[in-house]
Amino acid sequence: MSKVTIIFVHPDGRQQPVETETGATILQLAHEQGFEMEGACEGNMACSTCHVVVDEADFDRLPEASEEEEEMLDLALGLTATSRLGCQILITDELDGMTLHLPAATRNMMGF
C-alpha cells in the first residue's frame, strides 16, 4: 500500500499533517489519531457526527456524494458547499495532500 498525507485543520486553526496508507476512511484515520470526531454511528452513514469541510481546492478530487450522504449532511452543524462525511471519504492516492477542516461542534441526531 502506498502512503498519502492528509492535512487536518483543527477548530483552533492548528494544521496537522498525517501520513497514512490508502484504504481507510477519514473517520478511521481521525480515530486512529485521537482527533475529536465522534462517528456516533460507527461509519454506517446514520448520523452526521463525522462531518468535515473539505478545502475548496481539494473538493473536486473526491467522488460525488451519494443521495444518502447528502441527506445525512443536511443534519450537520456548519454545513458548507464542500462538506462531506468522513466515513464516506476513502483515502486513495489521488487524495494525497488533501486538507480537511474539523468543525468545532457536531450534532448527534441519532434516534430522533
PDB file of N, CA and C in Angstrom:
ATOM      1  N   MET A   1       0.840  -1.183   0.000  1.00  0.00           N
ATOM      2  CA  MET A   1       0.000   0.000   0.000  1.00  0.00           C
ATOM      3  C   MET A   1       0.881   1.241   0.000  1.00  0.00           C
ATOM      4  N   SER A   2       0.403   2.244  -0.680  1.00  0.00           N
ATOM      5  CA  SER A   2       1.182   3.474  -0.737  1.00  0.00           C
ATOM      6  C   SER A   2       0.785   4.419   0.392  1.00  0.00           C
ATOM      7  N   LYS A   3       1.649   5.378   0.666  1.00  0.00           N
ATOM      8  CA  LYS A   3       1.412   6.365   1.724  1.00  0.00           C
ATOM      9  C   LYS A   3       0.929   7.674   1.114  1.00  0.00           C
ATOM     10  N   VAL A   4      -0.030   8.309   1.800  1.00  0.00           N
ATOM     11  CA  VAL A   4      -0.517   9.618   1.410  1.00  0.00           C
ATOM     12  C   VAL A   4      -0.554  10.493   2.661  1.00  0.00           C
ATOM     13  N   THR A   5      -0.563  11.799   2.446  1.00  0.00           N
ATOM     14  CA  THR A   5      -0.659  12.745   3.551  1.00  0.00           C
ATOM     15  C   THR A   5      -2.000  13.452   3.478  1.00  0.00           C
ATOM     16  N   ILE A   6      -2.703  13.469   4.606  1.00  0.00           N
ATOM     17  CA  ILE A   6      -3.951  14.203   4.755  1.00  0.00           C
ATOM     18  C   ILE A   6      -3.688  15.289   5.792  1.00  0.00           C
ATOM     19  N   ILE A   7      -4.074  16.513   5.493  1.00  0.00           N
ATOM     20  CA  ILE A   7      -3.838  17.628   6.408  1.00  0.00           C
ATOM     21  C   ILE A   7      -5.147  17.974   7.106  1.00  0.00           C
ATOM     22  N   PHE A   8      -5.160  17.808   8.418  1.00  0.00           N
ATOM     23  CA  PHE A   8      -6.324  18.151   9.226  1.00  0.00           C
ATOM     24  C   PHE A   8      -6.115  19.542   9.803  1.00  0.00           C
ATOM     25  N   VAL A   9      -7.152  20.375   9.720  1.00  0.00           N
ATOM     26  CA  VAL A   9      -7.129  21.691  10.342  1.00  0.00           C
ATOM     27  C   VAL A   9      -8.112  21.629  11.501  1.00  0.00           C
ATOM     28  N   HIS A  10      -7.584  21.746  12.712  1.00  0.00           N
ATOM     29  CA  HIS A  10      -8.393  21.669  13.922  1.00  0.00           C
ATOM     30  C   HIS A  10      -9.183  22.967  14.111  1.00  0.00           C
ATOM     31  N   PRO A  11     -10.241  22.935  14.914  1.00  0.00           N
ATOM     32  CA  PRO A  11     -11.058  24.136  15.123  1.00  0.00           C
ATOM     33  C   PRO A  11     -10.269  25.364  15.587  1.00  0.00           C
ATOM     34  N   ASP A  12      -9.139  25.149  16.259  1.00  0.00           N
ATOM     35  CA  ASP A  12      -8.313  26.276  16.717  1.00  0.00           C
ATOM     36  C   ASP A  12      -7.379  26.804  15.626  1.00  0.00           C
ATOM     37  N   GLY A  13      -7.462  26.237  14.414  1.00  0.00           N
ATOM     38  CA  GLY A  13      -6.652  26.677  13.286  1.00  0.00           C
ATOM     39  C   GLY A  13      -5.345  25.932  13.119  1.00  0.00           C
ATOM     40  N   ARG A  14      -5.017  25.079  14.072  1.00  0.00           N
ATOM     41  CA  ARG A  14      -3.771  24.299  14.017  1.00  0.00           C
ATOM     42  C   ARG A  14      -3.861  23.264  12.901  1.00  0.00           C
ATOM     43  N   GLN A  15      -2.846  23.250  12.032  1.00  0.00           N
ATOM     44  CA  GLN A  15      -2.786  22.271  10.947  1.00  0.00           C
ATOM     45  C   GLN A  15      -1.958  21.084  11.392  1.00  0.00           C
ATOM     46  N   GLN A  16      -2.443  19.889  11.084  1.00  0.00           N
ATOM     47  CA  GLN A  16      -1.740  18.670  11.463  1.00  0.00           C
ATOM     48  C   GLN A  16      -1.718  17.697  10.289  1.00  0.00           C
ATOM     49  N   PRO A  17      -0.576  17.611   9.587  1.00  0.00           N
ATOM     50  CA  PRO A  17      -0.465  16.627   8.510  1.00  0.00           C
ATOM     51  C   PRO A  17      -0.315  15.225   9.099  1.00  0.00           C
ATOM     52  N   VAL A  18      -0.998  14.266   8.486  1.00  0.00           N
ATOM     53  CA  VAL A  18      -0.932  12.878   8.932  1.00  0.00           C
ATOM     54  C   VAL A  18      -0.612  12.010   7.725  1.00  0.00           C
ATOM     55  N   GLU A  19       0.447  11.229   7.833  1.00  0.00           N
ATOM     56  CA  GLU A  19       0.791  10.291   6.771  1.00  0.00           C
ATOM     57  C   GLU A  19       0.126   8.958   7.085  1.00  0.00           C
ATOM     58  N   THR A  20      -0.522   8.389   6.090  1.00  0.00           N
ATOM     59  CA  THR A  20      -1.260   7.150   6.292  1.00  0.00           C
ATOM     60  C   THR A  20      -1.223   6.308   5.031  1.00  0.00           C
ATOM     61  N   GLU A  21      -1.669   5.087   5.150  1.00  0.00           N
ATOM     62  CA  GLU A  21      -1.795   4.215   3.986  1.00  0.00           C
ATOM     63  C   GLU A  21      -3.176   4.398   3.373  1.00  0.00           C
ATOM     64  N   THR A  22      -3.299   4.043   2.121  1.00  0.00           N
ATOM     65  CA  THR A  22      -4.586   4.110   1.440  1.00  0.00           C
ATOM     66  C   THR A  22      -5.492   2.989   1.945  1.00  0.00           C
ATOM     67  N   GLY A  23      -6.786   3.159   1.704  1.00  0.00           N
ATOM     68  CA  GLY A  23      -7.729   2.087   2.017  1.00  0.00           C
ATOM     69  C   GLY A  23      -8.631   2.345   3.206  1.00  0.00           C
ATOM     70  N   ALA A  24      -8.236   3.198   4.122  1.00  0.00           N
ATOM     71  CA  ALA A  24      -9.075   3.523   5.278  1.00  0.00           C
ATOM     72  C   ALA A  24      -9.955   4.720   4.935  1.00  0.00           C
ATOM     73  N   THR A  25     -10.896   5.021   5.815  1.00  0.00           N
ATOM     74  CA  THR A  25     -11.706   6.218   5.645  1.00  0.00           C
ATOM     75  C   THR A  25     -11.137   7.339   6.509  1.00  0.00           C
ATOM     76  N   ILE A  26     -11.584   8.545   6.246  1.00  0.00           N
ATOM     77  CA  ILE A  26     -11.170   9.693   7.051  1.00  0.00           C
ATOM     78  C   ILE A  26     -11.609   9.498   8.499  1.00  0.00           C
ATOM     79  N   LEU A  27     -12.792   8.950   8.729  1.00  0.00           N
ATOM     80  CA  LEU A  27     -13.262   8.678  10.089  1.00  0.00           C
ATOM     81  C   LEU A  27     -12.311   7.720  10.803  1.00  0.00           C
ATOM     82  N   GLN A  28     -11.920   6.648  10.146  1.00  0.00           N
ATOM     83  CA  GLN A  28     -10.989   5.688  10.750  1.00  0.00           C
ATOM     84  C   GLN A  28      -9.657   6.350  11.073  1.00  0.00           C
ATOM     85  N   LEU A  29      -9.148   7.154  10.150  1.00  0.00           N
ATOM     86  CA  LEU A  29      -7.877   7.838  10.363  1.00  0.00           C
ATOM     87  C   LEU A  29      -7.978   8.804  11.547  1.00  0.00           C
ATOM     88  N   ALA A  30      -9.062   9.565  11.609  1.00  0.00           N
ATOM     89  CA  ALA A  30      -9.245  10.516  12.715  1.00  0.00           C
ATOM     90  C   ALA A  30      -9.273   9.782  14.057  1.00  0.00           C
ATOM     91  N   HIS A  31      -9.951   8.645  14.119  1.00  0.00           N
ATOM     92  CA  HIS A  31      -9.991   7.870  15.363  1.00  0.00           C
ATOM     93  C   HIS A  31      -8.613   7.324  15.720  1.00  0.00           C
ATOM     94  N   GLU A  32      -7.877   6.830  14.724  1.00  0.00           N
ATOM     95  CA  GLU A  32      -6.517   6.326  14.974  1.00  0.00           C
ATOM     96  C   GLU A  32      -5.618   7.417  15.558  1.00  0.00           C
ATOM     97  N   GLN A  33      -5.842   8.659  15.125  1.00  0.00           N
ATOM     98  CA  GLN A  33      -5.018   9.783  15.569  1.00  0.00           C
ATOM     99  C   GLN A  33      -5.528  10.406  16.875  1.00  0.00           C
ATOM    100  N   GLY A  34      -6.686   9.967  17.349  1.00  0.00           N
ATOM    101  CA  GLY A  34      -7.255  10.525  18.566  1.00  0.00           C
ATOM    102  C   GLY A  34      -7.873  11.897  18.374  1.00  0.00           C
ATOM    103  N   PHE A  35      -8.268  12.228  17.136  1.00  0.00           N
ATOM    104  CA  PHE A  35      -8.883  13.520  16.852  1.00  0.00           C
ATOM    105  C   PHE A  35     -10.327  13.528  17.325  1.00  0.00           C
ATOM    106  N   GLU A  36     -10.827  14.730  17.589  1.00  0.00           N
ATOM    107  CA  GLU A  36     -12.212  14.921  18.024  1.00  0.00           C
ATOM    108  C   GLU A  36     -13.153  14.753  16.837  1.00  0.00           C
ATOM    109  N   MET A  37     -13.528  13.516  16.549  1.00  0.00           N
ATOM    110  CA  MET A  37     -14.510  13.209  15.515  1.00  0.00           C
ATOM    111  C   MET A  37     -15.330  12.047  16.058  1.00  0.00           C
ATOM    112  N   GLU A  38     -16.577  12.327  16.407  1.00  0.00           N
ATOM    113  CA  GLU A  38     -17.381  11.345  17.130  1.00  0.00           C
ATOM    114  C   GLU A  38     -17.646  10.077  16.335  1.00  0.00           C
ATOM    115  N   GLY A  39     -18.283  10.182  15.190  1.00  0.00           N
ATOM    116  CA  GLY A  39     -18.633   8.975  14.440  1.00  0.00           C
ATOM    117  C   GLY A  39     -19.607   8.104  15.215  1.00  0.00           C
ATOM    118  N   ALA A  40     -20.697   8.704  15.713  1.00  0.00           N
ATOM    119  CA  ALA A  40     -21.646   8.025  16.598  1.00  0.00           C
ATOM    120  C   ALA A  40     -22.212   6.736  16.003  1.00  0.00           C
ATOM    121  N   CYS A  41     -22.394   6.696  14.703  1.00  0.00           N
ATOM    122  CA  CYS A  41     -22.973   5.503  14.072  1.00  0.00           C
ATOM    123  C   CYS A  41     -21.901   4.505  13.643  1.00  0.00           C
ATOM    124  N   GLU A  42     -20.660   4.778  14.008  1.00  0.00           N
ATOM    125  CA  GLU A  42     -19.518   3.905  13.704  1.00  0.00           C
ATOM    126  C   GLU A  42     -19.305   3.718  12.201  1.00  0.00           C
ATOM    127  N   GLY A  43     -19.582   4.780  11.428  1.00  0.00           N
ATOM    128  CA  GLY A  43     -19.310   4.736   9.997  1.00  0.00           C
ATOM    129  C   GLY A  43     -20.397   4.112   9.159  1.00  0.00           C
ATOM    130  N   ASN A  44     -21.599   3.992   9.703  1.00  0.00           N
ATOM    131  CA  ASN A  44     -22.706   3.380   8.962  1.00  0.00           C
ATOM    132  C   ASN A  44     -23.589   4.388   8.241  1.00  0.00           C
ATOM    133  N   MET A  45     -23.137   5.642   8.160  1.00  0.00           N
ATOM    134  CA  MET A  45     -23.851   6.722   7.486  1.00  0.00           C
ATOM    135  C   MET A  45     -25.271   6.878   8.031  1.00  0.00           C
ATOM    136  N   ALA A  46     -25.383   6.850   9.359  1.00  0.00           N
ATOM    137  CA  ALA A  46     -26.677   7.034  10.015  1.00  0.00           C
ATOM    138  C   ALA A  46     -26.664   8.268  10.918  1.00  0.00           C
ATOM    139  N   CYS A  47     -25.628   9.098  10.790  1.00  0.00           N
ATOM    140  CA  CYS A  47     -25.538  10.329  11.568  1.00  0.00           C
ATOM    141  C   CYS A  47     -24.663  11.313  10.790  1.00  0.00           C
ATOM    142  N   SER A  48     -24.419  12.464  11.368  1.00  0.00           N
ATOM    143  CA  SER A  48     -23.554  13.452  10.697  1.00  0.00           C
ATOM    144  C   SER A  48     -22.388  13.863  11.592  1.00  0.00           C
ATOM    145  N   THR A  49     -22.061  13.041  12.582  1.00  0.00           N
ATOM    146  CA  THR A  49     -21.039  13.430  13.558  1.00  0.00           C
ATOM    147  C   THR A  49     -19.606  13.277  13.056  1.00  0.00           C
ATOM    148  N   CYS A  50     -19.419  12.800  11.840  1.00  0.00           N
ATOM    149  CA  CYS A  50     -18.075  12.748  11.249  1.00  0.00           C
ATOM    150  C   CYS A  50     -17.947  13.781  10.132  1.00  0.00           C
ATOM    151  N   HIS A  51     -18.788  14.805  10.207  1.00  0.00           N
ATOM    152  CA  HIS A  51     -18.793  15.890   9.222  1.00  0.00           C
ATOM    153  C   HIS A  51     -17.419  16.563   9.167  1.00  0.00           C
ATOM    154  N   VAL A  52     -16.913  16.755   7.960  1.00  0.00           N
ATOM    155  CA  VAL A  52     -15.690  17.522   7.725  1.00  0.00           C
ATOM    156  C   VAL A  52     -15.956  18.505   6.595  1.00  0.00           C
ATOM    157  N   VAL A  53     -15.173  19.566   6.564  1.00  0.00           N
ATOM    158  CA  VAL A  53     -15.257  20.526   5.469  1.00  0.00           C
ATOM    159  C   VAL A  53     -13.979  20.374   4.646  1.00  0.00           C
ATOM    160  N   VAL A  54     -14.144  19.985   3.410  1.00  0.00           N
ATOM    161  CA  VAL A  54     -13.017  19.766   2.503  1.00  0.00           C
ATOM    162  C   VAL A  54     -12.587  21.123   1.953  1.00  0.00           C
ATOM    163  N   ASP A  55     -11.289  21.360   1.932  1.00  0.00           N
ATOM    164  CA  ASP A  55     -10.773  22.599   1.360  1.00  0.00           C
ATOM    165  C   ASP A  55     -11.270  22.718  -0.083  1.00  0.00           C
ATOM    166  N   GLU A  56     -11.680  23.921  -0.457  1.00  0.00           N
ATOM    167  CA  GLU A  56     -12.239  24.132  -1.799  1.00  0.00           C
ATOM    168  C   GLU A  56     -11.308  23.658  -2.907  1.00  0.00           C
ATOM    169  N   ALA A  57     -10.017  23.833  -2.723  1.00  0.00           N
ATOM    170  CA  ALA A  57      -9.044  23.433  -3.744  1.00  0.00           C
ATOM    171  C   ALA A  57      -8.985  21.922  -3.936  1.00  0.00           C
ATOM    172  N   ASP A  58      -9.464  21.168  -2.944  1.00  0.00           N
ATOM    173  CA  ASP A  58      -9.386  19.704  -2.989  1.00  0.00           C
ATOM    174  C   ASP A  58     -10.721  19.027  -3.264  1.00  0.00           C
ATOM    175  N   PHE A  59     -11.807  19.768  -3.173  1.00  0.00           N
ATOM    176  CA  PHE A  59     -13.140  19.167  -3.210  1.00  0.00           C
ATOM    177  C   PHE A  59     -13.398  18.365  -4.480  1.00  0.00           C
ATOM    178  N   ASP A  60     -12.962  18.855  -5.628  1.00  0.00           N
ATOM    179  CA  ASP A  60     -13.230  18.168  -6.898  1.00  0.00           C
ATOM    180  C   ASP A  60     -12.434  16.880  -7.062  1.00  0.00           C
ATOM    181  N   ARG A  61     -11.511  16.604  -6.149  1.00  0.00           N
ATOM    182  CA  ARG A  61     -10.755  15.348  -6.196  1.00  0.00           C
ATOM    183  C   ARG A  61     -11.554  14.178  -5.637  1.00  0.00           C
ATOM    184  N   LEU A  62     -12.665  14.484  -4.968  1.00  0.00           N
ATOM    185  CA  LEU A  62     -13.497  13.447  -4.357  1.00  0.00           C
ATOM    186  C   LEU A  62     -14.591  12.986  -5.317  1.00  0.00           C
ATOM    187  N   PRO A  63     -14.996  11.715  -5.211  1.00  0.00           N
ATOM    188  CA  PRO A  63     -16.177  11.287  -5.962  1.00  0.00           C
ATOM    189  C   PRO A  63     -17.405  12.020  -5.411  1.00  0.00           C
ATOM    190  N   GLU A  64     -18.445  12.126  -6.207  1.00  0.00           N
ATOM    191  CA  GLU A  64     -19.670  12.791  -5.758  1.00  0.00           C
ATOM    192  C   GLU A  64     -20.275  12.058  -4.575  1.00  0.00           C
ATOM    193  N   ALA A  65     -20.897  12.834  -3.683  1.00  0.00           N
ATOM    194  CA  ALA A  65     -21.596  12.251  -2.543  1.00  0.00           C
ATOM    195  C   ALA A  65     -22.860  11.547  -3.028  1.00  0.00           C
ATOM    196  N   SER A  66     -23.190  10.441  -2.358  1.00  0.00           N
ATOM    197  CA  SER A  66     -24.433   9.738  -2.680  1.00  0.00           C
ATOM    198  C   SER A  66     -25.621  10.541  -2.137  1.00  0.00           C
ATOM    199  N   GLU A  67     -26.801  10.183  -2.584  1.00  0.00           N
ATOM    200  CA  GLU A  67     -28.017  10.834  -2.084  1.00  0.00           C
ATOM    201  C   GLU A  67     -28.159  10.623  -0.575  1.00  0.00           C
ATOM    202  N   GLU A  68     -27.816   9.421  -0.100  1.00  0.00           N
ATOM    203  CA  GLU A  68     -27.901   9.127   1.329  1.00  0.00           C
ATOM    204  C   GLU A  68     -26.944  10.003   2.132  1.00  0.00           C
ATOM    205  N   GLU A  69     -25.735  10.205   1.620  1.00  0.00           N
ATOM    206  CA  GLU A  69     -24.779  11.073   2.304  1.00  0.00           C
ATOM    207  C   GLU A  69     -25.293  12.505   2.333  1.00  0.00           C
ATOM    208  N   GLU A  70     -25.834  12.980   1.234  1.00  0.00           N
ATOM    209  CA  GLU A  70     -26.377  14.339   1.175  1.00  0.00           C
ATOM    210  C   GLU A  70     -27.486  14.524   2.220  1.00  0.00           C
ATOM    211  N   GLU A  71     -28.334  13.511   2.376  1.00  0.00           N
ATOM    212  CA  GLU A  71     -29.404  13.591   3.370  1.00  0.00           C
ATOM    213  C   GLU A  71     -28.846  13.673   4.787  1.00  0.00           C
ATOM    214  N   MET A  72     -27.817  12.907   5.080  1.00  0.00           N
ATOM    215  CA  MET A  72     -27.198  12.961   6.411  1.00  0.00           C
ATOM    216  C   MET A  72     -26.499  14.293   6.632  1.00  0.00           C
ATOM    217  N   LEU A  73     -25.867  14.824   5.596  1.00  0.00           N
ATOM    218  CA  LEU A  73     -25.187  16.117   5.721  1.00  0.00           C
ATOM    219  C   LEU A  73     -26.158  17.242   6.064  1.00  0.00           C
ATOM    220  N   ASP A  74     -27.408  17.106   5.639  1.00  0.00           N
ATOM    221  CA  ASP A  74     -28.409  18.124   5.964  1.00  0.00           C
ATOM    222  C   ASP A  74     -28.571  18.288   7.474  1.00  0.00           C
ATOM    223  N   LEU A  75     -28.163  17.302   8.255  1.00  0.00           N
ATOM    224  CA  LEU A  75     -28.274  17.353   9.714  1.00  0.00           C
ATOM    225  C   LEU A  75     -27.034  17.952  10.386  1.00  0.00           C
ATOM    226  N   ALA A  76     -25.987  18.201   9.616  1.00  0.00           N
ATOM    227  CA  ALA A  76     -24.708  18.664  10.177  1.00  0.00           C
ATOM    228  C   ALA A  76     -24.749  20.141  10.545  1.00  0.00           C
ATOM    229  N   LEU A  77     -24.095  20.473  11.654  1.00  0.00           N
ATOM    230  CA  LEU A  77     -23.888  21.873  12.029  1.00  0.00           C
ATOM    231  C   LEU A  77     -22.813  22.460  11.130  1.00  0.00           C
ATOM    232  N   GLY A  78     -22.987  23.712  10.720  1.00  0.00           N
ATOM    233  CA  GLY A  78     -21.952  24.391   9.938  1.00  0.00           C
ATOM    234  C   GLY A  78     -21.779  23.851   8.544  1.00  0.00           C
ATOM    235  N   LEU A  79     -22.848  23.338   7.956  1.00  0.00           N
ATOM    236  CA  LEU A  79     -22.798  22.768   6.615  1.00  0.00           C
ATOM    237  C   LEU A  79     -22.304  23.802   5.598  1.00  0.00           C
ATOM    238  N   THR A  80     -21.411  23.379   4.705  1.00  0.00           N
ATOM    239  CA  THR A  80     -20.899  24.231   3.636  1.00  0.00           C
ATOM    240  C   THR A  80     -21.052  23.507   2.302  1.00  0.00           C
ATOM    241  N   ALA A  81     -20.736  24.189   1.230  1.00  0.00           N
ATOM    242  CA  ALA A  81     -20.805  23.588  -0.108  1.00  0.00           C
ATOM    243  C   ALA A  81     -19.780  22.475  -0.282  1.00  0.00           C
ATOM    244  N   THR A  82     -18.748  22.441   0.573  1.00  0.00           N
ATOM    245  CA  THR A  82     -17.712  21.406   0.458  1.00  0.00           C
ATOM    246  C   THR A  82     -17.729  20.455   1.660  1.00  0.00           C
ATOM    247  N   SER A  83     -18.859  20.362   2.329  1.00  0.00           N
ATOM    248  CA  SER A  83     -18.998  19.435   3.451  1.00  0.00           C
ATOM    249  C   SER A  83     -19.141  18.006   2.960  1.00  0.00           C
ATOM    250  N   ARG A  84     -18.545  17.084   3.698  1.00  0.00           N
ATOM    251  CA  ARG A  84     -18.677  15.646   3.426  1.00  0.00           C
ATOM    252  C   ARG A  84     -18.669  14.908   4.761  1.00  0.00           C
ATOM    253  N   LEU A  85     -19.059  13.648   4.728  1.00  0.00           N
ATOM    254  CA  LEU A  85     -18.969  12.785   5.897  1.00  0.00           C
ATOM    255  C   LEU A  85     -17.645  12.038   5.846  1.00  0.00           C
ATOM    256  N   GLY A  86     -16.906  12.085   6.936  1.00  0.00           N
ATOM    257  CA  GLY A  86     -15.600  11.425   6.982  1.00  0.00           C
ATOM    258  C   GLY A  86     -15.684   9.927   6.757  1.00  0.00           C
ATOM    259  N   CYS A  87     -16.811   9.317   7.115  1.00  0.00           N
ATOM    260  CA  CYS A  87     -16.964   7.870   6.918  1.00  0.00           C
ATOM    261  C   CYS A  87     -17.131   7.507   5.450  1.00  0.00           C
ATOM    262  N   GLN A  88     -17.400   8.500   4.595  1.00  0.00           N
ATOM    263  CA  GLN A  88     -17.623   8.242   3.179  1.00  0.00           C
ATOM    264  C   GLN A  88     -16.447   8.636   2.299  1.00  0.00           C
ATOM    265  N   ILE A  89     -15.390   9.163   2.909  1.00  0.00           N
ATOM    266  CA  ILE A  89     -14.203   9.531   2.132  1.00  0.00           C
ATOM    267  C   ILE A  89     -13.168   8.427   2.302  1.00  0.00           C
ATOM    268  N   LEU A  90     -12.988   7.647   1.267  1.00  0.00           N
ATOM    269  CA  LEU A  90     -11.986   6.585   1.248  1.00  0.00           C
ATOM    270  C   LEU A  90     -10.649   7.185   0.818  1.00  0.00           C
ATOM    271  N   ILE A  91      -9.628   6.948   1.604  1.00  0.00           N
ATOM    272  CA  ILE A  91      -8.309   7.517   1.323  1.00  0.00           C
ATOM    273  C   ILE A  91      -7.669   6.758   0.161  1.00  0.00           C
ATOM    274  N   THR A  92      -7.363   7.510  -0.897  1.00  0.00           N
ATOM    275  CA  THR A  92      -6.733   6.958  -2.097  1.00  0.00           C
ATOM    276  C   THR A  92      -5.497   7.793  -2.438  1.00  0.00           C
ATOM    277  N   ASP A  93      -4.700   7.291  -3.361  1.00  0.00           N
ATOM    278  CA  ASP A  93      -3.511   8.036  -3.811  1.00  0.00           C
ATOM    279  C   ASP A  93      -3.876   9.423  -4.333  1.00  0.00           C
ATOM    280  N   GLU A  94      -5.039   9.539  -4.972  1.00  0.00           N
ATOM    281  CA  GLU A  94      -5.463  10.807  -5.564  1.00  0.00           C
ATOM    282  C   GLU A  94      -5.711  11.897  -4.518  1.00  0.00           C
ATOM    283  N   LEU A  95      -5.872  11.513  -3.257  1.00  0.00           N
ATOM    284  CA  LEU A  95      -6.171  12.486  -2.203  1.00  0.00           C
ATOM    285  C   LEU A  95      -4.929  12.955  -1.452  1.00  0.00           C
ATOM    286  N   ASP A  96      -3.749  12.559  -1.912  1.00  0.00           N
ATOM    287  CA  ASP A  96      -2.515  12.974  -1.247  1.00  0.00           C
ATOM    288  C   ASP A  96      -2.445  14.497  -1.160  1.00  0.00           C
ATOM    289  N   GLY A  97      -2.251  15.007   0.050  1.00  0.00           N
ATOM    290  CA  GLY A  97      -2.149  16.443   0.269  1.00  0.00           C
ATOM    291  C   GLY A  97      -3.474  17.134   0.524  1.00  0.00           C
ATOM    292  N   MET A  98      -4.568  16.394   0.554  1.00  0.00           N
ATOM    293  CA  MET A  98      -5.889  16.982   0.772  1.00  0.00           C
ATOM    294  C   MET A  98      -5.973  17.610   2.160  1.00  0.00           C
ATOM    295  N   THR A  99      -6.657  18.768   2.239  1.00  0.00           N
ATOM    296  CA  THR A  99      -6.850  19.473   3.502  1.00  0.00           C
ATOM    297  C   THR A  99      -8.307  19.380   3.925  1.00  0.00           C
ATOM    298  N   LEU A 100      -8.518  18.978   5.182  1.00  0.00           N
ATOM    299  CA  LEU A 100      -9.850  18.843   5.767  1.00  0.00           C
ATOM    300  C   LEU A 100      -9.942  19.695   7.021  1.00  0.00           C
ATOM    301  N   HIS A 101     -11.044  20.408   7.172  1.00  0.00           N
ATOM    302  CA  HIS A 101     -11.284  21.233   8.354  1.00  0.00           C
ATOM    303  C   HIS A 101     -12.248  20.494   9.278  1.00  0.00           C
ATOM    304  N   LEU A 102     -11.839  20.338  10.534  1.00  0.00           N
ATOM    305  CA  LEU A 102     -12.692  19.692  11.527  1.00  0.00           C
ATOM    306  C   LEU A 102     -13.584  20.746  12.173  1.00  0.00           C
ATOM    307  N   PRO A 103     -14.899  20.569  12.132  1.00  0.00           N
ATOM    308  CA  PRO A 103     -15.807  21.550  12.734  1.00  0.00           C
ATOM    309  C   PRO A 103     -15.622  21.630  14.254  1.00  0.00           C
ATOM    310  N   ALA A 104     -15.960  22.782  14.816  1.00  0.00           N
ATOM    311  CA  ALA A 104     -15.847  22.981  16.260  1.00  0.00           C
ATOM    312  C   ALA A 104     -16.928  22.225  17.016  1.00  0.00           C
ATOM    313  N   ALA A 105     -18.057  21.923  16.356  1.00  0.00           N
ATOM    314  CA  ALA A 105     -19.161  21.234  17.027  1.00  0.00           C
ATOM    315  C   ALA A 105     -19.871  20.314  16.037  1.00  0.00           C
ATOM    316  N   THR A 106     -20.528  19.302  16.584  1.00  0.00           N
ATOM    317  CA  THR A 106     -21.345  18.393  15.777  1.00  0.00           C
ATOM    318  C   THR A 106     -22.706  18.256  16.453  1.00  0.00           C
ATOM    319  N   ARG A 107     -23.635  17.686  15.715  1.00  0.00           N
ATOM    320  CA  ARG A 107     -24.975  17.451  16.263  1.00  0.00           C
ATOM    321  C   ARG A 107     -25.296  15.987  16.032  1.00  0.00           C
ATOM    322  N   ASN A 108     -25.558  15.263  17.116  1.00  0.00           N
ATOM    323  CA  ASN A 108     -25.900  13.844  17.030  1.00  0.00           C
ATOM    324  C   ASN A 108     -27.418  13.717  17.016  1.00  0.00           C
ATOM    325  N   MET A 109     -27.964  13.424  15.843  1.00  0.00           N
ATOM    326  CA  MET A 109     -29.418  13.310  15.686  1.00  0.00           C
ATOM    327  C   MET A 109     -29.872  11.856  15.653  1.00  0.00           C
ATOM    328  N   MET A 110     -29.006  10.916  16.035  1.00  0.00           N
ATOM    329  CA  MET A 110     -29.392   9.512  16.032  1.00  0.00           C
ATOM    330  C   MET A 110     -30.525   9.309  17.031  1.00  0.00           C
ATOM    331  N   GLY A 111     -31.543   8.562  16.619  1.00  0.00           N
ATOM    332  CA  GLY A 111     -32.643   8.235  17.495  1.00  0.00           C
ATOM    333  C   GLY A 111     -33.772   9.257  17.490  1.00  0.00           C
ATOM    334  N   PHE A 112     -33.642  10.341  16.724  1.00  0.00           N
ATOM    335  CA  PHE A 112     -34.704  11.345  16.677  1.00  0.00           C
ATOM    336  C   PHE A 112     -35.634  11.090  15.512  1.00  0.00           C
TER     337      PHE A 112
END
